[in-house]
Amino acid sequence: MSANDISNAKDPDLRASLGALRRAAQQARMTAIQTQTNLVIVKDGRMQRISADELRQQAKAEQTPQA
């Protein structure tokens, strides 16, 4: 099921689930930064660890307005 399919679902809980997953992912990033731990994700079928320093750099890049 794609994000577009979910946003058009009849079930309101299912429609809201994508936003909830995004909020949970953001909270996991913030927790990893605060506790100086790696964030473990699966990308392209492979497990990856993202360091707290890398997460900080990503967060800073997202906050910087682009010209």
PDB file of N, CA and C in Angstrom:
ATOM      1  N   MET A   1       0.856  -1.177   0.000  1.00  0.00           N
ATOM      2  CA  MET A   1       0.000   0.000   0.000  1.00  0.00           C
ATOM      3  C   MET A   1       0.897   1.234   0.000  1.00  0.00           C
ATOM      4  N   SER A   2       0.629   2.162  -0.875  1.00  0.00           N
ATOM      5  CA  SER A   2       1.439   3.370  -0.972  1.00  0.00           C
ATOM      6  C   SER A   2       0.874   4.468  -0.060  1.00  0.00           C
ATOM      7  N   ALA A   3       1.670   5.524   0.095  1.00  0.00           N
ATOM      8  CA  ALA A   3       1.228   6.651   0.922  1.00  0.00           C
ATOM      9  C   ALA A   3      -0.041   7.268   0.349  1.00  0.00           C
ATOM     10  N   ASN A   4      -0.160   7.301  -0.972  1.00  0.00           N
ATOM     11  CA  ASN A   4      -1.359   7.853  -1.603  1.00  0.00           C
ATOM     12  C   ASN A   4      -2.578   6.991  -1.292  1.00  0.00           C
ATOM     13  N   ASP A   5      -2.406   5.661  -1.328  1.00  0.00           N
ATOM     14  CA  ASP A   5      -3.502   4.758  -0.994  1.00  0.00           C
ATOM     15  C   ASP A   5      -3.957   4.969   0.447  1.00  0.00           C
ATOM     16  N   ILE A   6      -3.004   5.122   1.347  1.00  0.00           N
ATOM     17  CA  ILE A   6      -3.325   5.287   2.765  1.00  0.00           C
ATOM     18  C   ILE A   6      -4.067   6.606   2.992  1.00  0.00           C
ATOM     19  N   SER A   7      -3.638   7.662   2.326  1.00  0.00           N
ATOM     20  CA  SER A   7      -4.283   8.960   2.538  1.00  0.00           C
ATOM     21  C   SER A   7      -5.723   8.983   2.012  1.00  0.00           C
ATOM     22  N   ASN A   8      -6.062   8.041   1.139  1.00  0.00           N
ATOM     23  CA  ASN A   8      -7.421   7.970   0.600  1.00  0.00           C
ATOM     24  C   ASN A   8      -8.245   6.837   1.200  1.00  0.00           C
ATOM     25  N   ALA A   9      -7.737   6.194   2.255  1.00  0.00           N
ATOM     26  CA  ALA A   9      -8.436   5.062   2.862  1.00  0.00           C
ATOM     27  C   ALA A   9      -9.737   5.518   3.518  1.00  0.00           C
ATOM     28  N   LYS A  10     -10.688   4.617   3.591  1.00  0.00           N
ATOM     29  CA  LYS A  10     -11.974   4.924   4.227  1.00  0.00           C
ATOM     30  C   LYS A  10     -11.851   4.980   5.747  1.00  0.00           C
ATOM     31  N   ASP A  11     -10.966   4.162   6.305  1.00  0.00           N
ATOM     32  CA  ASP A  11     -10.787   4.093   7.753  1.00  0.00           C
ATOM     33  C   ASP A  11      -9.991   5.315   8.234  1.00  0.00           C
ATOM     34  N   PRO A  12     -10.559   6.138   9.112  1.00  0.00           N
ATOM     35  CA  PRO A  12      -9.846   7.334   9.568  1.00  0.00           C
ATOM     36  C   PRO A  12      -8.571   7.006  10.336  1.00  0.00           C
ATOM     37  N   ASP A  13      -8.545   5.888  11.041  1.00  0.00           N
ATOM     38  CA  ASP A  13      -7.325   5.506  11.755  1.00  0.00           C
ATOM     39  C   ASP A  13      -6.203   5.185  10.780  1.00  0.00           C
ATOM     40  N   LEU A  14      -6.532   4.521   9.696  1.00  0.00           N
ATOM     41  CA  LEU A  14      -5.539   4.202   8.678  1.00  0.00           C
ATOM     42  C   LEU A  14      -5.033   5.469   8.015  1.00  0.00           C
ATOM     43  N   ARG A  15      -5.920   6.416   7.737  1.00  0.00           N
ATOM     44  CA  ARG A  15      -5.491   7.687   7.132  1.00  0.00           C
ATOM     45  C   ARG A  15      -4.530   8.430   8.052  1.00  0.00           C
ATOM     46  N   ALA A  16      -4.768   8.355   9.347  1.00  0.00           N
ATOM     47  CA  ALA A  16      -3.926   9.073  10.313  1.00  0.00           C
ATOM     48  C   ALA A  16      -2.628   8.337  10.613  1.00  0.00           C
ATOM     49  N   SER A  17      -2.525   7.079  10.215  1.00  0.00           N
ATOM     50  CA  SER A  17      -1.356   6.273  10.595  1.00  0.00           C
ATOM     51  C   SER A  17      -0.057   6.781   9.980  1.00  0.00           C
ATOM     52  N   LEU A  18      -0.092   7.305   8.762  1.00  0.00           N
ATOM     53  CA  LEU A  18       1.129   7.790   8.126  1.00  0.00           C
ATOM     54  C   LEU A  18       1.720   8.962   8.916  1.00  0.00           C
ATOM     55  N   GLY A  19       0.882   9.881   9.332  1.00  0.00           N
ATOM     56  CA  GLY A  19       1.356  11.001  10.152  1.00  0.00           C
ATOM     57  C   GLY A  19       1.904  10.527  11.486  1.00  0.00           C
ATOM     58  N   ALA A  20       1.249   9.535  12.073  1.00  0.00           N
ATOM     59  CA  ALA A  20       1.712   8.988  13.354  1.00  0.00           C
ATOM     60  C   ALA A  20       3.075   8.330  13.193  1.00  0.00           C
ATOM     61  N   LEU A  21       3.275   7.607  12.099  1.00  0.00           N
ATOM     62  CA  LEU A  21       4.573   6.975  11.841  1.00  0.00           C
ATOM     63  C   LEU A  21       5.667   8.024  11.648  1.00  0.00           C
ATOM     64  N   ARG A  22       5.337   9.096  10.959  1.00  0.00           N
ATOM     65  CA  ARG A  22       6.325  10.172  10.760  1.00  0.00           C
ATOM     66  C   ARG A  22       6.684  10.846  12.082  1.00  0.00           C
ATOM     67  N   ARG A  23       5.676  11.077  12.932  1.00  0.00           N
ATOM     68  CA  ARG A  23       5.953  11.678  14.242  1.00  0.00           C
ATOM     69  C   ARG A  23       6.798  10.740  15.107  1.00  0.00           C
ATOM     70  N   ALA A  24       6.514   9.447  15.050  1.00  0.00           N
ATOM     71  CA  ALA A  24       7.280   8.468  15.824  1.00  0.00           C
ATOM     72  C   ALA A  24       8.724   8.417  15.336  1.00  0.00           C
ATOM     73  N   ALA A  25       8.932   8.492  14.025  1.00  0.00           N
ATOM     74  CA  ALA A  25      10.290   8.478  13.481  1.00  0.00           C
ATOM     75  C   ALA A  25      11.061   9.719  13.935  1.00  0.00           C
ATOM     76  N   GLN A  26      10.406  10.877  13.919  1.00  0.00           N
ATOM     77  CA  GLN A  26      11.059  12.105  14.371  1.00  0.00           C
ATOM     78  C   GLN A  26      11.408  12.020  15.860  1.00  0.00           C
ATOM     79  N   GLN A  27      10.504  11.475  16.653  1.00  0.00           N
ATOM     80  CA  GLN A  27      10.773  11.325  18.080  1.00  0.00           C
ATOM     81  C   GLN A  27      11.931  10.354  18.313  1.00  0.00           C
ATOM     82  N   ALA A  28      12.014   9.297  17.519  1.00  0.00           N
ATOM     83  CA  ALA A  28      13.127   8.339  17.641  1.00  0.00           C
ATOM     84  C   ALA A  28      14.447   9.024  17.312  1.00  0.00           C
ATOM     85  N   ARG A  29      14.455   9.902  16.288  1.00  0.00           N
ATOM     86  CA  ARG A  29      15.676  10.642  15.967  1.00  0.00           C
ATOM     87  C   ARG A  29      16.091  11.542  17.122  1.00  0.00           C
ATOM     88  N   MET A  30      15.123  12.252  17.694  1.00  0.00           N
ATOM     89  CA  MET A  30      15.436  13.160  18.807  1.00  0.00           C
ATOM     90  C   MET A  30      15.935  12.391  20.024  1.00  0.00           C
ATOM     91  N   THR A  31      15.347  11.250  20.312  1.00  0.00           N
ATOM     92  CA  THR A  31      15.790  10.431  21.441  1.00  0.00           C
ATOM     93  C   THR A  31      17.213   9.926  21.213  1.00  0.00           C
ATOM     94  N   ALA A  32      17.520   9.508  20.000  1.00  0.00           N
ATOM     95  CA  ALA A  32      18.872   9.033  19.684  1.00  0.00           C
ATOM     96  C   ALA A  32      19.888  10.157  19.860  1.00  0.00           C
ATOM     97  N   ILE A  33      19.535  11.364  19.444  1.00  0.00           N
ATOM     98  CA  ILE A  33      20.437  12.507  19.609  1.00  0.00           C
ATOM     99  C   ILE A  33      20.652  12.800  21.093  1.00  0.00           C
ATOM    100  N   GLN A  34      19.568  12.826  21.866  1.00  0.00           N
ATOM    101  CA  GLN A  34      19.663  13.163  23.289  1.00  0.00           C
ATOM    102  C   GLN A  34      20.436  12.122  24.085  1.00  0.00           C
ATOM    103  N   THR A  35      20.344  10.864  23.688  1.00  0.00           N
ATOM    104  CA  THR A  35      20.992   9.786  24.446  1.00  0.00           C
ATOM    105  C   THR A  35      22.318   9.345  23.840  1.00  0.00           C
ATOM    106  N   GLN A  36      22.744  10.037  22.766  1.00  0.00           N
ATOM    107  CA  GLN A  36      24.002   9.710  22.093  1.00  0.00           C
ATOM    108  C   GLN A  36      24.057   8.248  21.646  1.00  0.00           C
ATOM    109  N   THR A  37      22.965   7.757  21.101  1.00  0.00           N
ATOM    110  CA  THR A  37      22.913   6.382  20.620  1.00  0.00           C
ATOM    111  C   THR A  37      22.668   6.366  19.119  1.00  0.00           C
ATOM    112  N   ASN A  38      22.960   5.239  18.509  1.00  0.00           N
ATOM    113  CA  ASN A  38      22.710   5.074  17.081  1.00  0.00           C
ATOM    114  C   ASN A  38      21.233   4.821  16.845  1.00  0.00           C
ATOM    115  N   LEU A  39      20.770   5.276  15.693  1.00  0.00           N
ATOM    116  CA  LEU A  39      19.431   4.946  15.228  1.00  0.00           C
ATOM    117  C   LEU A  39      19.608   3.810  14.229  1.00  0.00           C
ATOM    118  N   VAL A  40      18.899   2.720  14.422  1.00  0.00           N
ATOM    119  CA  VAL A  40      19.010   1.564  13.540  1.00  0.00           C
ATOM    120  C   VAL A  40      17.801   1.545  12.622  1.00  0.00           C
ATOM    121  N   ILE A  41      18.080   1.523  11.311  1.00  0.00           N
ATOM    122  CA  ILE A  41      17.014   1.489  10.310  1.00  0.00           C
ATOM    123  C   ILE A  41      17.292   0.371   9.316  1.00  0.00           C
ATOM    124  N   VAL A  42      16.284   0.028   8.539  1.00  0.00           N
ATOM    125  CA  VAL A  42      16.470  -0.897   7.423  1.00  0.00           C
ATOM    126  C   VAL A  42      16.205  -0.111   6.157  1.00  0.00           C
ATOM    127  N   LYS A  43      17.216  -0.051   5.289  1.00  0.00           N
ATOM    128  CA  LYS A  43      17.109   0.688   4.034  1.00  0.00           C
ATOM    129  C   LYS A  43      17.562  -0.233   2.911  1.00  0.00           C
ATOM    130  N   ASP A  44      16.724  -0.370   1.923  1.00  0.00           N
ATOM    131  CA  ASP A  44      17.011  -1.267   0.792  1.00  0.00           C
ATOM    132  C   ASP A  44      17.314  -2.683   1.266  1.00  0.00           C
ATOM    133  N   GLY A  45      16.612  -3.118   2.313  1.00  0.00           N
ATOM    134  CA  GLY A  45      16.766  -4.479   2.814  1.00  0.00           C
ATOM    135  C   GLY A  45      18.005  -4.706   3.657  1.00  0.00           C
ATOM    136  N   ARG A  46      18.741  -3.662   3.958  1.00  0.00           N
ATOM    137  CA  ARG A  46      19.964  -3.800   4.764  1.00  0.00           C
ATOM    138  C   ARG A  46      19.866  -2.953   6.026  1.00  0.00           C
ATOM    139  N   MET A  47      20.343  -3.511   7.137  1.00  0.00           N
ATOM    140  CA  MET A  47      20.331  -2.787   8.401  1.00  0.00           C
ATOM    141  C   MET A  47      21.444  -1.739   8.384  1.00  0.00           C
ATOM    142  N   GLN A  48      21.106  -0.521   8.812  1.00  0.00           N
ATOM    143  CA  GLN A  48      22.076   0.565   8.882  1.00  0.00           C
ATOM    144  C   GLN A  48      21.985   1.239  10.241  1.00  0.00           C
ATOM    145  N   ARG A  49      23.117   1.690  10.716  1.00  0.00           N
ATOM    146  CA  ARG A  49      23.173   2.462  11.959  1.00  0.00           C
ATOM    147  C   ARG A  49      23.534   3.902  11.606  1.00  0.00           C
ATOM    148  N   ILE A  50      22.767   4.824  12.148  1.00  0.00           N
ATOM    149  CA  ILE A  50      23.021   6.242  11.932  1.00  0.00           C
ATOM    150  C   ILE A  50      23.417   6.833  13.282  1.00  0.00           C
ATOM    151  N   SER A  51      24.591   7.432  13.334  1.00  0.00           N
ATOM    152  CA  SER A  51      25.100   7.966  14.599  1.00  0.00           C
ATOM    153  C   SER A  51      24.333   9.215  15.008  1.00  0.00           C
ATOM    154  N   ALA A  52      24.414   9.538  16.285  1.00  0.00           N
ATOM    155  CA  ALA A  52      23.757  10.740  16.800  1.00  0.00           C
ATOM    156  C   ALA A  52      24.342  11.985  16.145  1.00  0.00           C
ATOM    157  N   ASP A  53      25.652  11.985  15.873  1.00  0.00           N
ATOM    158  CA  ASP A  53      26.269  13.133  15.206  1.00  0.00           C
ATOM    159  C   ASP A  53      25.714  13.326  13.798  1.00  0.00           C
ATOM    160  N   GLU A  54      25.533  12.226  13.071  1.00  0.00           N
ATOM    161  CA  GLU A  54      24.972  12.322  11.732  1.00  0.00           C
ATOM    162  C   GLU A  54      23.519  12.809  11.786  1.00  0.00           C
ATOM    163  N   LEU A  55      22.772  12.345  12.767  1.00  0.00           N
ATOM    164  CA  LEU A  55      21.387  12.797  12.934  1.00  0.00           C
ATOM    165  C   LEU A  55      21.342  14.290  13.223  1.00  0.00           C
ATOM    166  N   ARG A  56      22.288  14.783  14.030  1.00  0.00           N
ATOM    167  CA  ARG A  56      22.367  16.219  14.327  1.00  0.00           C
ATOM    168  C   ARG A  56      22.625  17.012  13.050  1.00  0.00           C
ATOM    169  N   GLN A  57      23.560  16.516  12.231  1.00  0.00           N
ATOM    170  CA  GLN A  57      23.880  17.204  10.978  1.00  0.00           C
ATOM    171  C   GLN A  57      22.662  17.225  10.052  1.00  0.00           C
ATOM    172  N   GLN A  58      21.936  16.128   9.970  1.00  0.00           N
ATOM    173  CA  GLN A  58      20.737  16.072   9.137  1.00  0.00           C
ATOM    174  C   GLN A  58      19.684  17.052   9.638  1.00  0.00           C
ATOM    175  N   ALA A  59      19.502  17.104  10.958  1.00  0.00           N
ATOM    176  CA  ALA A  59      18.514  18.014  11.539  1.00  0.00           C
ATOM    177  C   ALA A  59      18.891  19.471  11.263  1.00  0.00           C
ATOM    178  N   LYS A  60      20.182  19.776  11.386  1.00  0.00           N
ATOM    179  CA  LYS A  60      20.639  21.135  11.130  1.00  0.00           C
ATOM    180  C   LYS A  60      20.436  21.507   9.665  1.00  0.00           C
ATOM    181  N   ALA A  61      20.713  20.569   8.749  1.00  0.00           N
ATOM    182  CA  ALA A  61      20.526  20.819   7.317  1.00  0.00           C
ATOM    183  C   ALA A  61      19.059  21.063   6.984  1.00  0.00           C
ATOM    184  N   GLU A  62      18.159  20.351   7.659  1.00  0.00           N
ATOM    185  CA  GLU A  62      16.726  20.527   7.417  1.00  0.00           C
ATOM    186  C   GLU A  62      16.235  21.883   7.898  1.00  0.00           C
ATOM    187  N   GLN A  63      16.857  22.420   8.946  1.00  0.00           N
ATOM    188  CA  GLN A  63      16.431  23.695   9.512  1.00  0.00           C
ATOM    189  C   GLN A  63      17.008  24.891   8.756  1.00  0.00           C
ATOM    190  N   THR A  64      18.107  24.682   8.025  1.00  0.00           N
ATOM    191  CA  THR A  64      18.749  25.763   7.300  1.00  0.00           C
ATOM    192  C   THR A  64      17.951  26.092   6.043  1.00  0.00           C
ATOM    193  N   PRO A  65      17.494  27.338   5.923  1.00  0.00           N
ATOM    194  CA  PRO A  65      16.739  27.698   4.718  1.00  0.00           C
ATOM    195  C   PRO A  65      17.669  27.723   3.503  1.00  0.00           C
ATOM    196  N   GLN A  66      17.169  27.194   2.406  1.00  0.00           N
ATOM    197  CA  GLN A  66      17.977  27.159   1.191  1.00  0.00           C
ATOM    198  C   GLN A  66      17.647  28.350   0.325  1.00  0.00           C
ATOM    199  N   ALA A  67      18.683  28.947  -0.260  1.00  0.00           N
ATOM    200  CA  ALA A  67      18.509  30.173  -1.069  1.00  0.00           C
ATOM    201  C   ALA A  67      18.002  29.881  -2.439  1.00  0.00           C
TER     202      ALA A  67
END
